[in-house]
Amino acid sequence: MRAWHAMWLTLINQAIADLNRREAERDEGQRRRPAPEWTIEHALGGPHEII
């Protein structure tokens, strides 16, 4: 039983470490992303109906 639980604990810890690493990589990528050269602004006043 101890070996089985130790195996699962190792797998769970590895999965958590992988998720943390991916999240850190995503955050770093967003931080390094250059600012866009242009942006699109929507009209003020809310959504407009298309007829």
N, C-alpha and C. Protein backbone atom coordinates (compact mmCIF):
# COMPACT_ATOMS: atom_id res chain seq x y z
N MET A 1 0.83 -1.21 0.00
CA MET A 1 0.00 0.00 0.00
C MET A 1 0.86 1.25 0.00
N ARG A 2 1.92 1.25 0.80
CA ARG A 2 2.78 2.44 0.87
C ARG A 2 3.39 2.75 -0.49
N ALA A 3 3.85 1.73 -1.17
CA ALA A 3 4.47 1.93 -2.48
C ALA A 3 3.45 2.49 -3.47
N TRP A 4 2.24 1.98 -3.42
CA TRP A 4 1.17 2.45 -4.33
C TRP A 4 0.87 3.92 -4.06
N HIS A 5 0.73 4.29 -2.80
CA HIS A 5 0.45 5.69 -2.45
C HIS A 5 1.64 6.59 -2.81
N ALA A 6 2.84 6.11 -2.59
CA ALA A 6 4.03 6.89 -2.94
C ALA A 6 4.08 7.13 -4.44
N MET A 7 3.71 6.10 -5.24
CA MET A 7 3.69 6.26 -6.69
C MET A 7 2.70 7.33 -7.10
N TRP A 8 1.49 7.29 -6.54
CA TRP A 8 0.46 8.27 -6.89
C TRP A 8 0.85 9.67 -6.43
N LEU A 9 1.45 9.77 -5.26
CA LEU A 9 1.89 11.07 -4.76
C LEU A 9 2.96 11.66 -5.68
N THR A 10 3.87 10.83 -6.16
CA THR A 10 4.89 11.28 -7.11
C THR A 10 4.24 11.77 -8.40
N LEU A 11 3.28 11.02 -8.91
CA LEU A 11 2.60 11.41 -10.15
C LEU A 11 1.82 12.72 -9.97
N ILE A 12 1.16 12.87 -8.85
CA ILE A 12 0.40 14.09 -8.58
C ILE A 12 1.34 15.28 -8.45
N ASN A 13 2.44 15.12 -7.72
CA ASN A 13 3.40 16.21 -7.57
C ASN A 13 4.02 16.60 -8.91
N GLN A 14 4.27 15.62 -9.76
CA GLN A 14 4.82 15.90 -11.08
C GLN A 14 3.81 16.66 -11.94
N ALA A 15 2.54 16.27 -11.87
CA ALA A 15 1.50 16.96 -12.64
C ALA A 15 1.36 18.41 -12.17
N ILE A 16 1.41 18.63 -10.87
CA ILE A 16 1.32 19.99 -10.33
C ILE A 16 2.51 20.82 -10.79
N ALA A 17 3.71 20.25 -10.75
CA ALA A 17 4.91 20.96 -11.19
C ALA A 17 4.81 21.31 -12.67
N ASP A 18 4.31 20.38 -13.49
CA ASP A 18 4.13 20.64 -14.92
C ASP A 18 3.15 21.78 -15.16
N LEU A 19 2.04 21.78 -14.44
CA LEU A 19 1.05 22.85 -14.58
C LEU A 19 1.63 24.20 -14.17
N ASN A 20 2.37 24.22 -13.07
CA ASN A 20 2.99 25.46 -12.62
C ASN A 20 4.01 25.97 -13.65
N ARG A 21 4.78 25.05 -14.24
CA ARG A 21 5.76 25.44 -15.24
C ARG A 21 5.08 26.02 -16.48
N ARG A 22 4.00 25.36 -16.94
CA ARG A 22 3.27 25.86 -18.12
C ARG A 22 2.66 27.22 -17.85
N GLU A 23 2.11 27.41 -16.65
CA GLU A 23 1.52 28.70 -16.31
C GLU A 23 2.59 29.79 -16.28
N ALA A 24 3.75 29.47 -15.73
CA ALA A 24 4.85 30.45 -15.68
C ALA A 24 5.32 30.79 -17.10
N GLU A 25 5.40 29.78 -17.98
CA GLU A 25 5.80 30.03 -19.37
C GLU A 25 4.77 30.89 -20.08
N ARG A 26 3.48 30.64 -19.84
CA ARG A 26 2.43 31.44 -20.47
C ARG A 26 2.50 32.89 -19.99
N ASP A 27 2.68 33.07 -18.69
CA ASP A 27 2.78 34.42 -18.13
C ASP A 27 3.99 35.16 -18.70
N GLU A 28 5.12 34.46 -18.82
CA GLU A 28 6.32 35.08 -19.38
C GLU A 28 6.11 35.45 -20.84
N GLY A 29 5.43 34.59 -21.58
CA GLY A 29 5.14 34.89 -22.99
C GLY A 29 4.25 36.11 -23.13
N GLN A 30 3.25 36.23 -22.27
CA GLN A 30 2.37 37.40 -22.32
C GLN A 30 3.13 38.67 -21.93
N ARG A 31 4.04 38.54 -20.98
CA ARG A 31 4.82 39.69 -20.54
C ARG A 31 5.76 40.17 -21.65
N ARG A 32 6.32 39.23 -22.40
CA ARG A 32 7.27 39.57 -23.46
C ARG A 32 6.60 39.94 -24.78
N ARG A 33 5.30 39.72 -24.89
CA ARG A 33 4.59 39.99 -26.14
C ARG A 33 4.70 41.48 -26.46
N PRO A 34 5.10 41.81 -27.69
CA PRO A 34 5.19 43.24 -28.03
C PRO A 34 3.80 43.87 -28.10
N ALA A 35 3.78 45.18 -27.87
CA ALA A 35 2.52 45.91 -27.96
C ALA A 35 2.04 45.90 -29.41
N PRO A 36 0.74 45.80 -29.63
CA PRO A 36 0.24 45.81 -31.01
C PRO A 36 0.50 47.16 -31.67
N GLU A 37 0.69 47.12 -32.99
CA GLU A 37 0.91 48.36 -33.73
C GLU A 37 -0.38 49.15 -33.89
N TRP A 38 -1.52 48.46 -33.81
CA TRP A 38 -2.80 49.15 -33.95
C TRP A 38 -3.84 48.41 -33.13
N THR A 39 -4.92 49.08 -32.79
CA THR A 39 -6.01 48.47 -32.06
C THR A 39 -7.33 48.86 -32.71
N ILE A 40 -8.35 48.11 -32.43
CA ILE A 40 -9.69 48.40 -32.93
C ILE A 40 -10.52 48.85 -31.74
N GLU A 41 -11.17 49.99 -31.88
CA GLU A 41 -12.04 50.49 -30.83
C GLU A 41 -13.48 50.35 -31.29
N HIS A 42 -14.31 49.84 -30.43
CA HIS A 42 -15.72 49.70 -30.72
C HIS A 42 -16.43 51.02 -30.42
N ALA A 43 -17.51 51.28 -31.15
CA ALA A 43 -18.26 52.51 -30.93
C ALA A 43 -18.83 52.54 -29.51
N LEU A 44 -18.90 53.72 -28.97
CA LEU A 44 -19.48 53.89 -27.64
C LEU A 44 -20.98 53.77 -27.73
N GLY A 45 -21.64 53.42 -26.66
CA GLY A 45 -23.08 53.38 -26.64
C GLY A 45 -23.66 51.98 -26.67
N GLY A 46 -22.84 50.99 -26.60
CA GLY A 46 -23.37 49.63 -26.52
C GLY A 46 -23.49 48.95 -27.87
N PRO A 47 -24.05 47.77 -27.87
CA PRO A 47 -24.17 46.98 -29.11
C PRO A 47 -25.17 47.61 -30.07
N HIS A 48 -24.92 47.42 -31.34
CA HIS A 48 -25.81 47.94 -32.38
C HIS A 48 -26.46 46.77 -33.11
N GLU A 49 -27.70 46.94 -33.46
CA GLU A 49 -28.42 45.90 -34.19
C GLU A 49 -28.10 45.99 -35.67
N ILE A 50 -27.93 44.84 -36.28
CA ILE A 50 -27.73 44.79 -37.72
C ILE A 50 -29.04 44.33 -38.34
N ILE A 51 -29.57 45.13 -39.22
CA ILE A 51 -30.87 44.81 -39.83
C ILE A 51 -30.67 44.37 -41.26
